[in-house]
């Protein structure tokens, strides 16, 4: 399982760095060090689409950003992202974005311009900002840095001076539909100049708000500047569970983007990522005067 995760991350990184180049599927599979059929099965099972579909969606997402934020001709954008013609690009683009590229460019530019001119406060439906110093951070929607579709969510530092400060862009919901199951939370994350750490987190609480299961990726932090990649958390939802909370976390300075969160039930043969601190229950109190060294 761990080797599969490393392989998937390496392949996604390779694809991200070569979206504007021809991508030979035989070579991609060969880089995985798995048999071709095995590689394709693992990738589709993990990401929820074939490697061919993933490459196509990522090229279209980058193209959608270029349409809004550059003045490049549609034909040039199409050819740069390895479409054979403007016509083939338009067909593929309309399938995902429901508009031809030229109309999409006009509508999205007008929408963003109106938002900037009216100085609209950035709100993200379903999400809220929390943490130790949430007002030192900003969350919002980004139409330029996108993994799939039209936008991603971001969390970035504004007036952060202490590496111990952190914020989270999060939401919470009732655990009912997942009670008694083992669930996998996945998303795509990208970072820029993260000096302490960033990651995804999930927590399962009971009705008394006691934590039953928790993982914040503190044992596998994302630091520095990284391209889009796929990350997962796997937790059990015990019978007494009441609330599931999740989100992205940013500690210290930097920016983190997230896109395409998914929840799915997984088999119990897949190990959880729950962070447990095992304490030893002593028979009696010890070292009460602090004279004993460690």
Protein backbone atom coordinates (compact mmCIF):
# COMPACT_ATOMS: atom_id res chain seq x y z
CA UNK A 1 0.00 0.00 0.00
CA UNK A 2 2.77 2.47 0.96
CA UNK A 3 4.71 1.61 -2.20
CA UNK A 4 1.56 2.25 -4.22
CA UNK A 5 1.20 5.73 -2.68
CA UNK A 6 4.81 6.62 -3.46
CA UNK A 7 4.41 5.37 -7.03
CA UNK A 8 1.20 7.40 -7.57
CA UNK A 9 2.82 10.57 -6.21
CA UNK A 10 5.89 10.13 -8.42
CA UNK A 11 3.75 9.55 -11.52
CA UNK A 12 1.52 12.57 -10.80
CA UNK A 13 4.59 14.74 -10.27
CA UNK A 14 6.05 13.53 -13.58
CA UNK A 15 2.78 14.28 -15.38
CA UNK A 16 2.47 17.73 -13.80
CA UNK A 17 5.93 18.69 -14.98
CA UNK A 18 5.26 17.51 -18.54
CA UNK A 19 1.68 18.51 -19.33
CA UNK A 20 2.87 20.66 -22.24
CA UNK A 21 4.96 17.80 -23.67
CA UNK A 22 3.87 14.60 -25.45
CA UNK A 23 3.19 11.99 -22.78
CA UNK A 24 3.74 8.41 -23.87
CA UNK A 25 1.58 6.10 -21.78
CA UNK A 26 4.01 3.21 -22.18
CA UNK A 27 6.83 5.33 -20.73
CA UNK A 28 4.64 6.57 -17.87
CA UNK A 29 3.73 3.00 -16.96
CA UNK A 30 7.38 1.96 -17.21
CA UNK A 31 8.39 4.66 -14.71
CA UNK A 32 6.06 3.17 -12.13
CA UNK A 33 8.14 -0.04 -11.89
CA UNK A 34 4.87 -1.96 -12.04
CA UNK A 35 3.51 -4.06 -14.85
CA UNK A 36 1.48 -1.91 -17.26
CA UNK A 37 -1.88 -3.49 -16.40
CA UNK A 38 -1.12 -3.38 -12.68
CA UNK A 39 -0.08 0.28 -12.88
CA UNK A 40 -3.25 1.32 -14.70
CA UNK A 41 -5.43 -0.58 -12.23
CA UNK A 42 -3.73 1.00 -9.18
CA UNK A 43 -3.86 4.50 -10.66
CA UNK A 44 -7.54 4.29 -11.55
CA UNK A 45 -8.43 2.77 -8.18
CA UNK A 46 -6.54 5.51 -6.29
CA UNK A 47 -7.37 8.60 -8.35
CA UNK A 48 -10.80 7.57 -9.63
CA UNK A 49 -9.93 7.92 -13.32
CA UNK A 50 -7.49 6.48 -15.83
CA UNK A 51 -4.10 8.08 -16.40
CA UNK A 52 -5.32 9.19 -19.85
CA UNK A 53 -8.36 10.92 -18.33
CA UNK A 54 -6.19 12.52 -15.65
CA UNK A 55 -3.76 13.98 -18.21
CA UNK A 56 -6.64 15.33 -20.29
CA UNK A 57 -8.38 16.97 -17.31
CA UNK A 58 -5.15 18.55 -16.07
CA UNK A 59 -4.32 19.95 -19.51
CA UNK A 60 -7.81 21.42 -19.78
CA UNK A 61 -7.56 22.94 -16.28
CA UNK A 62 -4.27 24.63 -17.16
CA UNK A 63 -5.75 25.77 -20.46
CA UNK A 64 -8.76 27.28 -18.68
CA UNK A 65 -6.43 29.33 -16.49
CA UNK A 66 -4.44 30.47 -19.54
CA UNK A 67 -7.66 31.59 -21.22
CA UNK A 68 -8.49 33.88 -18.31
CA UNK A 69 -5.09 35.17 -17.26
CA UNK A 70 -3.17 35.42 -20.56
CA UNK A 71 -3.85 36.95 -23.96
CA UNK A 72 -2.52 33.91 -25.82
CA UNK A 73 -4.54 32.83 -28.85
CA UNK A 74 -6.85 29.89 -28.31
CA UNK A 75 -5.04 27.94 -31.02
CA UNK A 76 -1.68 28.51 -29.33
CA UNK A 77 -3.06 27.37 -25.97
CA UNK A 78 -4.55 24.28 -27.63
CA UNK A 79 -1.29 23.32 -29.33
CA UNK A 80 0.79 24.04 -26.20
CA UNK A 81 -1.29 21.52 -24.26
CA UNK A 82 -0.93 18.90 -26.98
CA UNK A 83 -4.31 19.13 -28.69
CA UNK A 84 -4.10 18.40 -32.41
CA UNK A 85 -6.21 21.39 -33.44
CA UNK A 86 -8.39 24.18 -32.11
CA UNK A 87 -11.43 22.12 -33.05
CA UNK A 88 -10.38 19.09 -30.99
CA UNK A 89 -9.51 21.40 -28.08
CA UNK A 90 -12.92 23.10 -28.29
CA UNK A 91 -14.75 19.76 -28.25
CA UNK A 92 -12.82 18.56 -25.21
CA UNK A 93 -13.16 21.92 -23.44
CA UNK A 94 -16.94 22.10 -23.95
CA UNK A 95 -17.34 18.59 -22.57
CA UNK A 96 -15.86 19.69 -19.22
CA UNK A 97 -16.67 23.41 -19.01
CA UNK A 98 -19.97 23.41 -20.98
CA UNK A 99 -18.84 26.47 -22.96
CA UNK A 100 -16.55 26.99 -25.96
CA UNK A 101 -13.14 28.44 -24.96
CA UNK A 102 -13.75 31.94 -26.35
CA UNK A 103 -17.06 32.39 -24.53
CA UNK A 104 -15.60 30.92 -21.35
CA UNK A 105 -12.75 33.46 -21.54
CA UNK A 106 -15.16 36.41 -21.84
CA UNK A 107 -17.56 35.27 -19.12
CA UNK A 108 -14.90 34.37 -16.57
CA UNK A 109 -12.90 37.56 -17.17
CA UNK A 110 -16.05 39.67 -16.71
CA UNK A 111 -17.01 37.79 -13.56
CA UNK A 112 -13.57 38.22 -11.98
CA UNK A 113 -13.44 41.89 -12.99
CA UNK A 114 -16.82 42.61 -11.38
CA UNK A 115 -15.72 40.85 -8.22
CA UNK A 116 -12.52 42.90 -8.03
CA UNK A 117 -14.25 46.22 -8.79
CA UNK A 118 -16.98 45.70 -6.21
CA UNK A 119 -14.40 44.53 -3.68
CA UNK A 120 -16.60 41.61 -2.73
CA UNK A 121 -15.66 39.83 0.49
CA UNK A 122 -14.32 36.37 -0.26
CA UNK A 123 -16.59 33.66 1.12
CA UNK A 124 -16.34 29.98 0.39
CA UNK A 125 -19.64 28.09 0.57
CA UNK A 126 -19.56 25.39 3.25
CA UNK A 127 -16.10 26.30 4.55
CA UNK A 128 -14.96 28.47 7.46
CA UNK A 129 -11.66 29.75 8.81
CA UNK A 130 -10.41 28.62 12.20
CA UNK A 131 -7.16 27.96 14.06
CA UNK A 132 -4.91 29.62 16.63
CA UNK A 133 -4.71 32.94 14.74
CA UNK A 134 -7.26 32.80 11.90
CA UNK A 135 -7.25 36.56 11.32
CA UNK A 136 -3.56 36.36 10.37
CA UNK A 137 -4.57 34.18 7.42
CA UNK A 138 -6.82 34.44 4.39
CA UNK A 139 -8.92 31.79 2.67
CA UNK A 140 -10.64 32.06 -0.66
CA UNK A 141 -11.32 30.79 -4.18
CA UNK A 142 -8.58 30.79 -6.83
CA UNK A 143 -9.45 30.63 -10.55
CA UNK A 144 -5.82 30.80 -11.69
CA UNK A 145 -4.25 27.96 -9.69
CA UNK A 146 -6.65 25.10 -10.40
CA UNK A 147 -6.37 21.34 -10.38
CA UNK A 148 -9.70 20.43 -11.96
CA UNK A 149 -12.73 22.43 -13.01
CA UNK A 150 -12.95 26.20 -12.57
CA UNK A 151 -11.43 26.89 -9.16
CA UNK A 152 -9.51 25.66 -6.13
CA UNK A 153 -9.62 26.68 -2.49
CA UNK A 154 -6.62 28.37 -0.89
CA UNK A 155 -5.31 29.30 2.54
CA UNK A 156 -2.44 31.77 2.85
CA UNK A 157 -0.62 33.72 5.54
CA UNK A 158 -1.07 37.51 5.72
CA UNK A 159 0.44 38.89 8.94
CA UNK A 160 2.03 35.77 10.37
CA UNK A 161 5.30 36.31 12.24
CA UNK A 162 5.47 33.23 14.48
CA UNK A 163 5.95 29.69 13.17
CA UNK A 164 3.68 28.38 15.94
CA UNK A 165 0.66 30.20 14.47
CA UNK A 166 -1.68 28.13 12.32
CA UNK A 167 -5.04 28.31 10.59
CA UNK A 168 -7.35 25.84 8.93
CA UNK A 169 -9.91 26.06 6.16
CA UNK A 170 -12.44 23.51 7.35
CA UNK A 171 -15.94 22.16 7.59
CA UNK A 172 -17.82 19.66 9.76
CA UNK A 173 -20.79 17.36 9.18
CA UNK A 174 -22.80 14.64 10.93
CA UNK A 175 -21.09 11.25 10.97
CA UNK A 176 -24.30 9.24 10.45
CA UNK A 177 -23.66 8.01 6.90
CA UNK A 178 -20.18 6.70 7.78
CA UNK A 179 -20.76 5.20 11.26
CA UNK A 180 -19.17 1.77 11.58
CA UNK A 181 -17.12 2.22 8.43
CA UNK A 182 -13.49 2.90 7.55
CA UNK A 183 -13.31 5.97 5.32
CA UNK A 184 -10.68 7.52 3.11
CA UNK A 185 -10.47 11.28 2.64
CA UNK A 186 -8.45 12.34 -0.39
CA UNK A 187 -7.65 15.57 -2.16
CA UNK A 188 -5.07 17.26 -4.35
CA UNK A 189 -2.76 19.78 -2.66
CA UNK A 190 -0.25 22.32 -3.91
CA UNK A 191 1.97 24.60 -1.78
CA UNK A 192 4.12 27.68 -2.12
CA UNK A 193 6.87 28.75 0.31
CA UNK A 194 5.44 26.90 3.31
CA UNK A 195 8.02 27.41 6.05
CA UNK A 196 6.62 25.19 8.81
CA UNK A 197 4.11 22.74 7.42
CA UNK A 198 0.87 22.27 5.51
CA UNK A 199 -1.39 19.31 5.05
CA UNK A 200 -4.86 17.86 5.19
CA UNK A 201 -6.58 16.77 8.40
CA UNK A 202 -9.62 14.84 9.56
CA UNK A 203 -11.09 14.24 13.02
CA UNK A 204 -13.90 12.00 14.28
CA UNK A 205 -15.63 13.11 17.52
CA UNK A 206 -18.33 11.62 19.72
CA UNK A 207 -21.34 13.50 21.17
CA UNK A 208 -19.20 14.77 24.07
CA UNK A 209 -16.74 16.25 21.55
CA UNK A 210 -14.06 13.77 22.60
CA UNK A 211 -11.69 12.82 19.78
CA UNK A 212 -12.06 9.22 18.64
CA UNK A 213 -9.84 9.28 15.54
CA UNK A 214 -7.50 11.97 14.22
CA UNK A 215 -4.84 12.60 11.57
CA UNK A 216 -3.31 15.95 10.56
CA UNK A 217 -0.41 14.62 8.47
CA UNK A 218 2.05 15.93 11.09
CA UNK A 219 4.12 12.77 10.54
CA UNK A 220 4.25 13.42 6.77
CA UNK A 221 4.15 17.23 6.45
CA UNK A 222 4.20 19.16 3.18
CA UNK A 223 6.84 21.90 3.19
CA UNK A 224 8.32 24.41 0.78
CA UNK A 225 6.98 24.79 -2.76
CA UNK A 226 5.36 21.70 -4.25
CA UNK A 227 3.29 20.97 -7.36
CA UNK A 228 -0.18 19.40 -7.28
CA UNK A 229 -0.20 15.91 -5.82
CA UNK A 230 -2.59 13.44 -4.27
CA UNK A 231 -2.88 12.90 -0.49
CA UNK A 232 -5.09 10.68 1.66
CA UNK A 233 -6.17 10.12 5.25
CA UNK A 234 -7.84 6.89 6.38
CA UNK A 235 -9.79 6.72 9.66
CA UNK A 236 -12.36 4.51 11.34
CA UNK A 237 -15.73 5.96 12.32
CA UNK A 238 -16.70 4.07 15.50
CA UNK A 239 -20.32 3.42 16.47
CA UNK A 240 -20.34 6.31 18.99
CA UNK A 241 -19.19 8.85 16.39
CA UNK A 242 -21.24 12.05 15.99
CA UNK A 243 -19.23 14.56 13.97
CA UNK A 244 -16.56 14.39 11.25
CA UNK A 245 -14.43 17.50 10.74
CA UNK A 246 -11.85 17.98 8.00
CA UNK A 247 -9.91 20.56 6.05
CA UNK A 248 -6.49 21.87 5.13
CA UNK A 249 -4.06 23.30 7.66
CA UNK A 250 -1.26 25.84 7.28
CA UNK A 251 1.26 26.38 10.06
CA UNK A 252 3.51 29.44 9.82
CA UNK A 253 3.90 31.31 6.56
CA UNK A 254 3.10 30.29 2.99
CA UNK A 255 0.17 29.32 0.79
CA UNK A 256 -1.63 26.02 0.34
CA UNK A 257 -4.21 25.17 -2.34
CA UNK A 258 -6.63 22.23 -2.23
CA UNK A 259 -9.02 20.78 -4.79
CA UNK A 260 -11.22 17.75 -5.39
CA UNK A 261 -11.90 16.47 -1.86
CA UNK A 262 -13.50 13.01 -1.90
CA UNK A 263 -14.80 10.60 0.77
CA UNK A 264 -15.06 6.88 0.16
CA UNK A 265 -15.51 3.74 2.22
CA UNK A 266 -12.51 1.41 2.15
CA UNK A 267 -11.88 -2.17 3.17
CA UNK A 268 -10.61 -2.83 6.70
CA UNK A 269 -7.54 -4.52 5.23
CA UNK A 270 -6.30 -1.01 4.39
CA UNK A 271 -4.53 0.41 7.47
CA UNK A 272 -5.69 3.67 9.03
CA UNK A 273 -3.48 6.74 9.37
CA UNK A 274 -4.87 7.51 12.83
CA UNK A 275 -2.27 9.24 15.02
CA UNK A 276 -2.25 7.47 18.36
CA UNK A 277 -0.28 8.40 21.45
CA UNK A 278 0.08 5.34 23.59
CA UNK A 279 0.54 6.27 27.23
CA UNK A 280 1.67 3.91 29.97
CA UNK A 281 -0.66 3.79 32.98
CA UNK A 282 1.56 3.71 36.08
CA UNK A 283 0.78 1.78 39.26
CA UNK A 284 1.56 4.85 41.40
CA UNK A 285 2.82 8.44 40.98
CA UNK A 286 6.59 8.87 40.51
CA UNK A 287 9.30 11.58 40.57
CA UNK A 288 7.14 14.04 42.48
CA UNK A 289 10.09 16.24 43.48
CA UNK A 290 11.69 16.11 39.99
CA UNK A 291 15.01 14.80 41.31
CA UNK A 292 15.15 11.87 38.92
CA UNK A 293 16.76 12.45 35.54
CA UNK A 294 15.25 11.04 32.34
